[in-house]
Amino acid sequence: MAEKDIDKLLSLTDSKYRLSVVTAKRALQLRSGAPSVVSNEQRARTHNLVTLAMRELATGKLTVGTELMDEGRFHQDYVRQRQAQLQAQLNAERERERD
């Protein structure tokens, strides 16, 4: 993926560093459950979230700095999701102890 569309991706940002940061942030968002903008077929071809984030950026459906999820909201959603997971694990352990 990186070799094929790297010139297009680099044209979206002012540096390789910014492209790396944007791609990494989008991959984290995808990992936390953000909806993807690519087709199911493209998602099925890769399990690598960085590659998927790069494919999303290459489609032009996301633009750097505007349509990516708001970082504050993303962080809050991630914290809530993680807390819910930990609470579910705690509840499951308590149930096992009762049995």
PDB file of N, CA and C in Angstrom:
ATOM      1  N   MET A   1       0.821  -1.200   0.000  1.00  0.00           N
ATOM      2  CA  MET A   1       0.000   0.000   0.000  1.00  0.00           C
ATOM      3  C   MET A   1       0.854   1.248   0.000  1.00  0.00           C
ATOM      4  N   ALA A   2       1.811   1.320   0.870  1.00  0.00           N
ATOM      5  CA  ALA A   2       2.584   2.545   1.035  1.00  0.00           C
ATOM      6  C   ALA A   2       3.307   2.927  -0.255  1.00  0.00           C
ATOM      7  N   GLU A   3       3.866   1.968  -0.954  1.00  0.00           N
ATOM      8  CA  GLU A   3       4.609   2.283  -2.155  1.00  0.00           C
ATOM      9  C   GLU A   3       3.700   2.766  -3.286  1.00  0.00           C
ATOM     10  N   LYS A   4       2.516   2.198  -3.356  1.00  0.00           N
ATOM     11  CA  LYS A   4       1.628   2.473  -4.469  1.00  0.00           C
ATOM     12  C   LYS A   4       1.079   3.903  -4.444  1.00  0.00           C
ATOM     13  N   ASP A   5       0.623   4.379  -3.316  1.00  0.00           N
ATOM     14  CA  ASP A   5      -0.035   5.675  -3.231  1.00  0.00           C
ATOM     15  C   ASP A   5       0.736   6.702  -2.409  1.00  0.00           C
ATOM     16  N   ILE A   6       1.996   6.478  -2.180  1.00  0.00           N
ATOM     17  CA  ILE A   6       2.738   7.361  -1.287  1.00  0.00           C
ATOM     18  C   ILE A   6       2.820   8.784  -1.825  1.00  0.00           C
ATOM     19  N   ASP A   7       2.979   8.955  -3.133  1.00  0.00           N
ATOM     20  CA  ASP A   7       3.043  10.313  -3.682  1.00  0.00           C
ATOM     21  C   ASP A   7       1.735  11.055  -3.477  1.00  0.00           C
ATOM     22  N   LYS A   8       0.627  10.367  -3.673  1.00  0.00           N
ATOM     23  CA  LYS A   8      -0.677  10.992  -3.461  1.00  0.00           C
ATOM     24  C   LYS A   8      -0.852  11.367  -1.988  1.00  0.00           C
ATOM     25  N   LEU A   9      -0.461  10.466  -1.101  1.00  0.00           N
ATOM     26  CA  LEU A   9      -0.596  10.732   0.327  1.00  0.00           C
ATOM     27  C   LEU A   9       0.300  11.885   0.763  1.00  0.00           C
ATOM     28  N   LEU A  10       1.505  11.938   0.234  1.00  0.00           N
ATOM     29  CA  LEU A  10       2.412  13.031   0.590  1.00  0.00           C
ATOM     30  C   LEU A  10       1.896  14.377   0.102  1.00  0.00           C
ATOM     31  N   SER A  11       1.146  14.373  -0.988  1.00  0.00           N
ATOM     32  CA  SER A  11       0.596  15.642  -1.495  1.00  0.00           C
ATOM     33  C   SER A  11      -0.514  16.185  -0.591  1.00  0.00           C
ATOM     34  N   LEU A  12      -1.057  15.341   0.283  1.00  0.00           N
ATOM     35  CA  LEU A  12      -2.119  15.782   1.191  1.00  0.00           C
ATOM     36  C   LEU A  12      -1.582  16.557   2.384  1.00  0.00           C
ATOM     37  N   THR A  13      -0.304  16.391   2.678  1.00  0.00           N
ATOM     38  CA  THR A  13       0.292  17.032   3.850  1.00  0.00           C
ATOM     39  C   THR A  13       1.534  17.801   3.444  1.00  0.00           C
ATOM     40  N   ASP A  14       2.094  18.509   4.399  1.00  0.00           N
ATOM     41  CA  ASP A  14       3.282  19.304   4.107  1.00  0.00           C
ATOM     42  C   ASP A  14       4.579  18.569   4.428  1.00  0.00           C
ATOM     43  N   SER A  15       4.493  17.375   5.033  1.00  0.00           N
ATOM     44  CA  SER A  15       5.708  16.636   5.351  1.00  0.00           C
ATOM     45  C   SER A  15       5.408  15.158   5.581  1.00  0.00           C
ATOM     46  N   LYS A  16       6.452  14.359   5.518  1.00  0.00           N
ATOM     47  CA  LYS A  16       6.312  12.933   5.815  1.00  0.00           C
ATOM     48  C   LYS A  16       5.933  12.731   7.277  1.00  0.00           C
ATOM     49  N   TYR A  17       6.463  13.591   8.127  1.00  0.00           N
ATOM     50  CA  TYR A  17       6.162  13.484   9.553  1.00  0.00           C
ATOM     51  C   TYR A  17       4.667  13.666   9.803  1.00  0.00           C
ATOM     52  N   ARG A  18       4.085  14.718   9.238  1.00  0.00           N
ATOM     53  CA  ARG A  18       2.651  14.965   9.446  1.00  0.00           C
ATOM     54  C   ARG A  18       1.817  13.812   8.891  1.00  0.00           C
ATOM     55  N   LEU A  19       2.213  13.276   7.752  1.00  0.00           N
ATOM     56  CA  LEU A  19       1.502  12.125   7.191  1.00  0.00           C
ATOM     57  C   LEU A  19       1.562  10.948   8.152  1.00  0.00           C
ATOM     58  N   SER A  20       2.720  10.711   8.750  1.00  0.00           N
ATOM     59  CA  SER A  20       2.865   9.616   9.713  1.00  0.00           C
ATOM     60  C   SER A  20       1.968   9.824  10.920  1.00  0.00           C
ATOM     61  N   VAL A  21       1.914  11.044  11.426  1.00  0.00           N
ATOM     62  CA  VAL A  21       1.104  11.344  12.601  1.00  0.00           C
ATOM     63  C   VAL A  21      -0.379  11.173  12.281  1.00  0.00           C
ATOM     64  N   VAL A  22      -0.809  11.715  11.149  1.00  0.00           N
ATOM     65  CA  VAL A  22      -2.225  11.610  10.767  1.00  0.00           C
ATOM     66  C   VAL A  22      -2.621  10.159  10.558  1.00  0.00           C
ATOM     67  N   THR A  23      -1.772   9.406   9.897  1.00  0.00           N
ATOM     68  CA  THR A  23      -2.055   7.987   9.654  1.00  0.00           C
ATOM     69  C   THR A  23      -2.137   7.215  10.962  1.00  0.00           C
ATOM     70  N   ALA A  24      -1.212   7.483  11.867  1.00  0.00           N
ATOM     71  CA  ALA A  24      -1.218   6.786  13.161  1.00  0.00           C
ATOM     72  C   ALA A  24      -2.464   7.135  13.965  1.00  0.00           C
ATOM     73  N   LYS A  25      -2.853   8.403  13.959  1.00  0.00           N
ATOM     74  CA  LYS A  25      -4.053   8.805  14.701  1.00  0.00           C
ATOM     75  C   LYS A  25      -5.294   8.147  14.121  1.00  0.00           C
ATOM     76  N   ARG A  26      -5.372   8.098  12.796  1.00  0.00           N
ATOM     77  CA  ARG A  26      -6.533   7.466  12.174  1.00  0.00           C
ATOM     78  C   ARG A  26      -6.558   5.968  12.477  1.00  0.00           C
ATOM     79  N   ALA A  27      -5.410   5.326  12.478  1.00  0.00           N
ATOM     80  CA  ALA A  27      -5.348   3.896  12.805  1.00  0.00           C
ATOM     81  C   ALA A  27      -5.828   3.656  14.234  1.00  0.00           C
ATOM     82  N   LEU A  28      -5.464   4.530  15.159  1.00  0.00           N
ATOM     83  CA  LEU A  28      -5.949   4.412  16.539  1.00  0.00           C
ATOM     84  C   LEU A  28      -7.461   4.591  16.611  1.00  0.00           C
ATOM     85  N   GLN A  29      -7.977   5.527  15.818  1.00  0.00           N
ATOM     86  CA  GLN A  29      -9.423   5.728  15.789  1.00  0.00           C
ATOM     87  C   GLN A  29     -10.129   4.489  15.264  1.00  0.00           C
ATOM     88  N   LEU A  30      -9.591   3.900  14.209  1.00  0.00           N
ATOM     89  CA  LEU A  30     -10.183   2.678  13.662  1.00  0.00           C
ATOM     90  C   LEU A  30     -10.132   1.550  14.682  1.00  0.00           C
ATOM     91  N   ARG A  31      -9.023   1.458  15.404  1.00  0.00           N
ATOM     92  CA  ARG A  31      -8.876   0.418  16.432  1.00  0.00           C
ATOM     93  C   ARG A  31      -9.921   0.572  17.528  1.00  0.00           C
ATOM     94  N   SER A  32     -10.298   1.806  17.802  1.00  0.00           N
ATOM     95  CA  SER A  32     -11.262   2.072  18.867  1.00  0.00           C
ATOM     96  C   SER A  32     -12.709   2.023  18.385  1.00  0.00           C
ATOM     97  N   GLY A  33     -12.907   1.657  17.127  1.00  0.00           N
ATOM     98  CA  GLY A  33     -14.265   1.467  16.644  1.00  0.00           C
ATOM     99  C   GLY A  33     -14.815   2.557  15.763  1.00  0.00           C
ATOM    100  N   ALA A  34     -14.013   3.496  15.327  1.00  0.00           N
ATOM    101  CA  ALA A  34     -14.495   4.531  14.416  1.00  0.00           C
ATOM    102  C   ALA A  34     -14.916   3.879  13.106  1.00  0.00           C
ATOM    103  N   PRO A  35     -15.995   4.367  12.506  1.00  0.00           N
ATOM    104  CA  PRO A  35     -16.438   3.765  11.241  1.00  0.00           C
ATOM    105  C   PRO A  35     -15.439   4.047  10.121  1.00  0.00           C
ATOM    106  N   SER A  36     -15.222   3.066   9.279  1.00  0.00           N
ATOM    107  CA  SER A  36     -14.303   3.206   8.158  1.00  0.00           C
ATOM    108  C   SER A  36     -15.036   3.762   6.948  1.00  0.00           C
ATOM    109  N   VAL A  37     -14.324   4.486   6.097  1.00  0.00           N
ATOM    110  CA  VAL A  37     -14.945   5.068   4.908  1.00  0.00           C
ATOM    111  C   VAL A  37     -14.661   4.253   3.652  1.00  0.00           C
ATOM    112  N   VAL A  38     -13.919   3.163   3.768  1.00  0.00           N
ATOM    113  CA  VAL A  38     -13.656   2.320   2.607  1.00  0.00           C
ATOM    114  C   VAL A  38     -14.643   1.161   2.587  1.00  0.00           C
ATOM    115  N   SER A  39     -14.744   0.517   1.445  1.00  0.00           N
ATOM    116  CA  SER A  39     -15.703  -0.571   1.280  1.00  0.00           C
ATOM    117  C   SER A  39     -15.319  -1.783   2.121  1.00  0.00           C
ATOM    118  N   ASN A  40     -16.305  -2.636   2.354  1.00  0.00           N
ATOM    119  CA  ASN A  40     -16.055  -3.868   3.113  1.00  0.00           C
ATOM    120  C   ASN A  40     -15.009  -4.738   2.430  1.00  0.00           C
ATOM    121  N   GLU A  41     -15.003  -4.738   1.099  1.00  0.00           N
ATOM    122  CA  GLU A  41     -14.040  -5.539   0.352  1.00  0.00           C
ATOM    123  C   GLU A  41     -12.610  -5.083   0.634  1.00  0.00           C
ATOM    124  N   GLN A  42     -12.389  -3.771   0.650  1.00  0.00           N
ATOM    125  CA  GLN A  42     -11.051  -3.258   0.939  1.00  0.00           C
ATOM    126  C   GLN A  42     -10.656  -3.529   2.384  1.00  0.00           C
ATOM    127  N   ARG A  43     -11.613  -3.435   3.297  1.00  0.00           N
ATOM    128  CA  ARG A  43     -11.318  -3.714   4.704  1.00  0.00           C
ATOM    129  C   ARG A  43     -10.964  -5.170   4.912  1.00  0.00           C
ATOM    130  N   ALA A  44     -11.618  -6.054   4.167  1.00  0.00           N
ATOM    131  CA  ALA A  44     -11.388  -7.493   4.338  1.00  0.00           C
ATOM    132  C   ALA A  44     -10.009  -7.914   3.851  1.00  0.00           C
ATOM    133  N   ARG A  45      -9.432  -7.147   2.936  1.00  0.00           N
ATOM    134  CA  ARG A  45      -8.136  -7.521   2.373  1.00  0.00           C
ATOM    135  C   ARG A  45      -6.976  -7.268   3.323  1.00  0.00           C
ATOM    136  N   THR A  46      -7.179  -6.482   4.352  1.00  0.00           N
ATOM    137  CA  THR A  46      -6.074  -6.188   5.258  1.00  0.00           C
ATOM    138  C   THR A  46      -6.533  -6.209   6.704  1.00  0.00           C
ATOM    139  N   HIS A  47      -5.649  -6.667   7.563  1.00  0.00           N
ATOM    140  CA  HIS A  47      -5.902  -6.625   8.995  1.00  0.00           C
ATOM    141  C   HIS A  47      -5.008  -5.573   9.645  1.00  0.00           C
ATOM    142  N   ASN A  48      -4.198  -4.917   8.821  1.00  0.00           N
ATOM    143  CA  ASN A  48      -3.285  -3.901   9.303  1.00  0.00           C
ATOM    144  C   ASN A  48      -4.004  -2.553   9.300  1.00  0.00           C
ATOM    145  N   LEU A  49      -4.217  -1.980  10.473  1.00  0.00           N
ATOM    146  CA  LEU A  49      -4.984  -0.741  10.578  1.00  0.00           C
ATOM    147  C   LEU A  49      -4.242   0.461  10.014  1.00  0.00           C
ATOM    148  N   VAL A  50      -2.928   0.436  10.015  1.00  0.00           N
ATOM    149  CA  VAL A  50      -2.172   1.539   9.415  1.00  0.00           C
ATOM    150  C   VAL A  50      -2.390   1.544   7.908  1.00  0.00           C
ATOM    151  N   THR A  51      -2.347   0.372   7.291  1.00  0.00           N
ATOM    152  CA  THR A  51      -2.607   0.270   5.859  1.00  0.00           C
ATOM    153  C   THR A  51      -4.026   0.714   5.550  1.00  0.00           C
ATOM    154  N   LEU A  52      -4.980   0.313   6.375  1.00  0.00           N
ATOM    155  CA  LEU A  52      -6.364   0.724   6.168  1.00  0.00           C
ATOM    156  C   LEU A  52      -6.499   2.235   6.294  1.00  0.00           C
ATOM    157  N   ALA A  53      -5.837   2.829   7.268  1.00  0.00           N
ATOM    158  CA  ALA A  53      -5.877   4.291   7.421  1.00  0.00           C
ATOM    159  C   ALA A  53      -5.291   4.977   6.198  1.00  0.00           C
ATOM    160  N   MET A  54      -4.214   4.434   5.659  1.00  0.00           N
ATOM    161  CA  MET A  54      -3.615   5.010   4.456  1.00  0.00           C
ATOM    162  C   MET A  54      -4.550   4.881   3.259  1.00  0.00           C
ATOM    163  N   ARG A  55      -5.239   3.757   3.166  1.00  0.00           N
ATOM    164  CA  ARG A  55      -6.207   3.579   2.073  1.00  0.00           C
ATOM    165  C   ARG A  55      -7.349   4.589   2.190  1.00  0.00           C
ATOM    166  N   GLU A  56      -7.784   4.829   3.419  1.00  0.00           N
ATOM    167  CA  GLU A  56      -8.844   5.819   3.619  1.00  0.00           C
ATOM    168  C   GLU A  56      -8.402   7.199   3.167  1.00  0.00           C
ATOM    169  N   LEU A  57      -7.208   7.574   3.548  1.00  0.00           N
ATOM    170  CA  LEU A  57      -6.706   8.889   3.148  1.00  0.00           C
ATOM    171  C   LEU A  57      -6.538   8.975   1.637  1.00  0.00           C
ATOM    172  N   ALA A  58      -6.084   7.884   1.010  1.00  0.00           N
ATOM    173  CA  ALA A  58      -5.864   7.878  -0.437  1.00  0.00           C
ATOM    174  C   ALA A  58      -7.162   7.994  -1.222  1.00  0.00           C
ATOM    175  N   THR A  59      -8.295   7.568  -0.649  1.00  0.00           N
ATOM    176  CA  THR A  59      -9.568   7.660  -1.366  1.00  0.00           C
ATOM    177  C   THR A  59     -10.041   9.092  -1.522  1.00  0.00           C
ATOM    178  N   GLY A  60      -9.571   9.967  -0.648  1.00  0.00           N
ATOM    179  CA  GLY A  60     -10.025  11.359  -0.698  1.00  0.00           C
ATOM    180  C   GLY A  60     -11.294  11.606   0.083  1.00  0.00           C
ATOM    181  N   LYS A  61     -11.841  10.572   0.703  1.00  0.00           N
ATOM    182  CA  LYS A  61     -13.059  10.727   1.496  1.00  0.00           C
ATOM    183  C   LYS A  61     -12.785  11.375   2.839  1.00  0.00           C
ATOM    184  N   LEU A  62     -11.539  11.293   3.290  1.00  0.00           N
ATOM    185  CA  LEU A  62     -11.103  11.981   4.501  1.00  0.00           C
ATOM    186  C   LEU A  62     -10.073  13.017   4.094  1.00  0.00           C
ATOM    187  N   THR A  63     -10.122  14.152   4.727  1.00  0.00           N
ATOM    188  CA  THR A  63      -9.102  15.148   4.467  1.00  0.00           C
ATOM    189  C   THR A  63      -8.386  15.470   5.764  1.00  0.00           C
ATOM    190  N   VAL A  64      -7.133  15.725   5.667  1.00  0.00           N
ATOM    191  CA  VAL A  64      -6.308  15.960   6.843  1.00  0.00           C
ATOM    192  C   VAL A  64      -6.785  17.212   7.562  1.00  0.00           C
ATOM    193  N   GLY A  65      -7.125  17.046   8.835  1.00  0.00           N
ATOM    194  CA  GLY A  65      -7.473  18.183   9.672  1.00  0.00           C
ATOM    195  C   GLY A  65      -8.926  18.580   9.698  1.00  0.00           C
ATOM    196  N   THR A  66      -9.774  18.023   8.820  1.00  0.00           N
ATOM    197  CA  THR A  66     -11.172  18.446   8.848  1.00  0.00           C
ATOM    198  C   THR A  66     -12.132  17.313   9.136  1.00  0.00           C
ATOM    199  N   GLU A  67     -12.031  16.212   8.428  1.00  0.00           N
ATOM    200  CA  GLU A  67     -13.033  15.165   8.578  1.00  0.00           C
ATOM    201  C   GLU A  67     -12.594  14.025   9.477  1.00  0.00           C
ATOM    202  N   LEU A  68     -11.397  14.093  10.002  1.00  0.00           N
ATOM    203  CA  LEU A  68     -10.997  13.095  10.978  1.00  0.00           C
ATOM    204  C   LEU A  68     -11.744  13.391  12.268  1.00  0.00           C
ATOM    205  N   MET A  69     -11.967  12.373  13.074  1.00  0.00           N
ATOM    206  CA  MET A  69     -12.728  12.558  14.302  1.00  0.00           C
ATOM    207  C   MET A  69     -12.062  13.588  15.210  1.00  0.00           C
ATOM    208  N   ASP A  70     -12.865  14.345  15.920  1.00  0.00           N
ATOM    209  CA  ASP A  70     -12.362  15.297  16.885  1.00  0.00           C
ATOM    210  C   ASP A  70     -11.582  14.551  17.965  1.00  0.00           C
ATOM    211  N   GLU A  71     -10.368  15.003  18.235  1.00  0.00           N
ATOM    212  CA  GLU A  71      -9.495  14.278  19.163  1.00  0.00           C
ATOM    213  C   GLU A  71     -10.054  14.231  20.579  1.00  0.00           C
ATOM    214  N   GLY A  72     -10.659  15.314  21.036  1.00  0.00           N
ATOM    215  CA  GLY A  72     -11.220  15.328  22.385  1.00  0.00           C
ATOM    216  C   GLY A  72     -12.354  14.325  22.522  1.00  0.00           C
ATOM    217  N   ARG A  73     -13.248  14.323  21.555  1.00  0.00           N
ATOM    218  CA  ARG A  73     -14.365  13.372  21.573  1.00  0.00           C
ATOM    219  C   ARG A  73     -13.860  11.948  21.435  1.00  0.00           C
ATOM    220  N   PHE A  74     -12.884  11.749  20.572  1.00  0.00           N
ATOM    221  CA  PHE A  74     -12.305  10.429  20.377  1.00  0.00           C
ATOM    222  C   PHE A  74     -11.738   9.902  21.692  1.00  0.00           C
ATOM    223  N   HIS A  75     -10.989  10.733  22.398  1.00  0.00           N
ATOM    224  CA  HIS A  75     -10.388  10.313  23.657  1.00  0.00           C
ATOM    225  C   HIS A  75     -11.466   9.979  24.692  1.00  0.00           C
ATOM    226  N   GLN A  76     -12.502  10.815  24.784  1.00  0.00           N
ATOM    227  CA  GLN A  76     -13.586  10.562  25.731  1.00  0.00           C
ATOM    228  C   GLN A  76     -14.298   9.254  25.402  1.00  0.00           C
ATOM    229  N   ASP A  77     -14.574   9.032  24.122  1.00  0.00           N
ATOM    230  CA  ASP A  77     -15.229   7.789  23.705  1.00  0.00           C
ATOM    231  C   ASP A  77     -14.355   6.584  24.032  1.00  0.00           C
ATOM    232  N   TYR A  78     -13.054   6.712  23.801  1.00  0.00           N
ATOM    233  CA  TYR A  78     -12.133   5.616  24.080  1.00  0.00           C
ATOM    234  C   TYR A  78     -12.118   5.306  25.575  1.00  0.00           C
ATOM    235  N   VAL A  79     -12.052   6.340  26.407  1.00  0.00           N
ATOM    236  CA  VAL A  79     -12.014   6.146  27.861  1.00  0.00           C
ATOM    237  C   VAL A  79     -13.299   5.475  28.327  1.00  0.00           C
ATOM    238  N   ARG A  80     -14.449   5.930  27.821  1.00  0.00           N
ATOM    239  CA  ARG A  80     -15.733   5.315  28.201  1.00  0.00           C
ATOM    240  C   ARG A  80     -15.784   3.851  27.786  1.00  0.00           C
ATOM    241  N   GLN A  81     -15.336   3.575  26.572  1.00  0.00           N
ATOM    242  CA  GLN A  81     -15.347   2.200  26.077  1.00  0.00           C
ATOM    243  C   GLN A  81     -14.437   1.317  26.928  1.00  0.00           C
ATOM    244  N   ARG A  82     -13.266   1.807  27.253  1.00  0.00           N
ATOM    245  CA  ARG A  82     -12.321   1.031  28.064  1.00  0.00           C
ATOM    246  C   ARG A  82     -12.864   0.796  29.471  1.00  0.00           C
ATOM    247  N   GLN A  83     -13.502   1.812  30.049  1.00  0.00           N
ATOM    248  CA  GLN A  83     -14.091   1.658  31.371  1.00  0.00           C
ATOM    249  C   GLN A  83     -15.198   0.608  31.352  1.00  0.00           C
ATOM    250  N   ALA A  84     -16.004   0.609  30.305  1.00  0.00           N
ATOM    251  CA  ALA A  84     -17.072  -0.378  30.187  1.00  0.00           C
ATOM    252  C   ALA A  84     -16.491  -1.792  30.074  1.00  0.00           C
ATOM    253  N   GLN A  85     -15.403  -1.942  29.324  1.00  0.00           N
ATOM    254  CA  GLN A  85     -14.752  -3.250  29.196  1.00  0.00           C
ATOM    255  C   GLN A  85     -14.225  -3.728  30.546  1.00  0.00           C
ATOM    256  N   LEU A  86     -13.577  -2.829  31.264  1.00  0.00           N
ATOM    257  CA  LEU A  86     -13.029  -3.199  32.569  1.00  0.00           C
ATOM    258  C   LEU A  86     -14.138  -3.539  33.561  1.00  0.00           C
ATOM    259  N   GLN A  87     -15.233  -2.803  33.519  1.00  0.00           N
ATOM    260  CA  GLN A  87     -16.361  -3.088  34.402  1.00  0.00           C
ATOM    261  C   GLN A  87     -16.970  -4.452  34.079  1.00  0.00           C
ATOM    262  N   ALA A  88     -17.070  -4.766  32.782  1.00  0.00           N
ATOM    263  CA  ALA A  88     -17.606  -6.069  32.380  1.00  0.00           C
ATOM    264  C   ALA A  88     -16.697  -7.196  32.861  1.00  0.00           C
ATOM    265  N   GLN A  89     -15.393  -6.999  32.770  1.00  0.00           N
ATOM    266  CA  GLN A  89     -14.458  -8.010  33.261  1.00  0.00           C
ATOM    267  C   GLN A  89     -14.589  -8.184  34.771  1.00  0.00           C
ATOM    268  N   LEU A  90     -14.709  -7.085  35.476  1.00  0.00           N
ATOM    269  CA  LEU A  90     -14.860  -7.137  36.928  1.00  0.00           C
ATOM    270  C   LEU A  90     -16.144  -7.859  37.317  1.00  0.00           C
ATOM    271  N   ASN A  91     -17.232  -7.552  36.615  1.00  0.00           N
ATOM    272  CA  ASN A  91     -18.507  -8.224  36.891  1.00  0.00           C
ATOM    273  C   ASN A  91     -18.416  -9.719  36.613  1.00  0.00           C
ATOM    274  N   ALA A  92     -17.724 -10.101  35.547  1.00  0.00           N
ATOM    275  CA  ALA A  92     -17.574 -11.519  35.216  1.00  0.00           C
ATOM    276  C   ALA A  92     -16.759 -12.240  36.290  1.00  0.00           C
ATOM    277  N   GLU A  93     -15.707 -11.580  36.787  1.00  0.00           N
ATOM    278  CA  GLU A  93     -14.902 -12.187  37.855  1.00  0.00           C
ATOM    279  C   GLU A  93     -15.711 -12.343  39.135  1.00  0.00           C
ATOM    280  N   ARG A  94     -16.531 -11.360  39.448  1.00  0.00           N
ATOM    281  CA  ARG A  94     -17.380 -11.446  40.640  1.00  0.00           C
ATOM    282  C   ARG A  94     -18.386 -12.588  40.515  1.00  0.00           C
ATOM    283  N   GLU A  95     -18.930 -12.775  39.315  1.00  0.00           N
ATOM    284  CA  GLU A  95     -19.873 -13.876  39.080  1.00  0.00           C
ATOM    285  C   GLU A  95     -19.181 -15.218  39.272  1.00  0.00           C
ATOM    286  N   ARG A  96     -17.944 -15.341  38.780  1.00  0.00           N
ATOM    287  CA  ARG A  96     -17.200 -16.600  38.925  1.00  0.00           C
ATOM    288  C   ARG A  96     -16.918 -16.883  40.401  1.00  0.00           C
ATOM    289  N   GLU A  97     -16.621 -15.840  41.162  1.00  0.00           N
ATOM    290  CA  GLU A  97     -16.350 -16.022  42.587  1.00  0.00           C
ATOM    291  C   GLU A  97     -17.583 -16.460  43.351  1.00  0.00           C
ATOM    292  N   ARG A  98     -18.739 -16.008  42.923  1.00  0.00           N
ATOM    293  CA  ARG A  98     -20.000 -16.381  43.598  1.00  0.00           C
ATOM    294  C   ARG A  98     -20.337 -17.847  43.360  1.00  0.00           C
ATOM    295  N   ASP A  99     -19.951 -18.359  42.230  1.00  0.00           N
ATOM    296  CA  ASP A  99     -20.288 -19.761  41.890  1.00  0.00           C
ATOM    297  C   ASP A  99     -19.446 -20.743  42.612  1.00  0.00           C
TER     298      ASP A  99
END
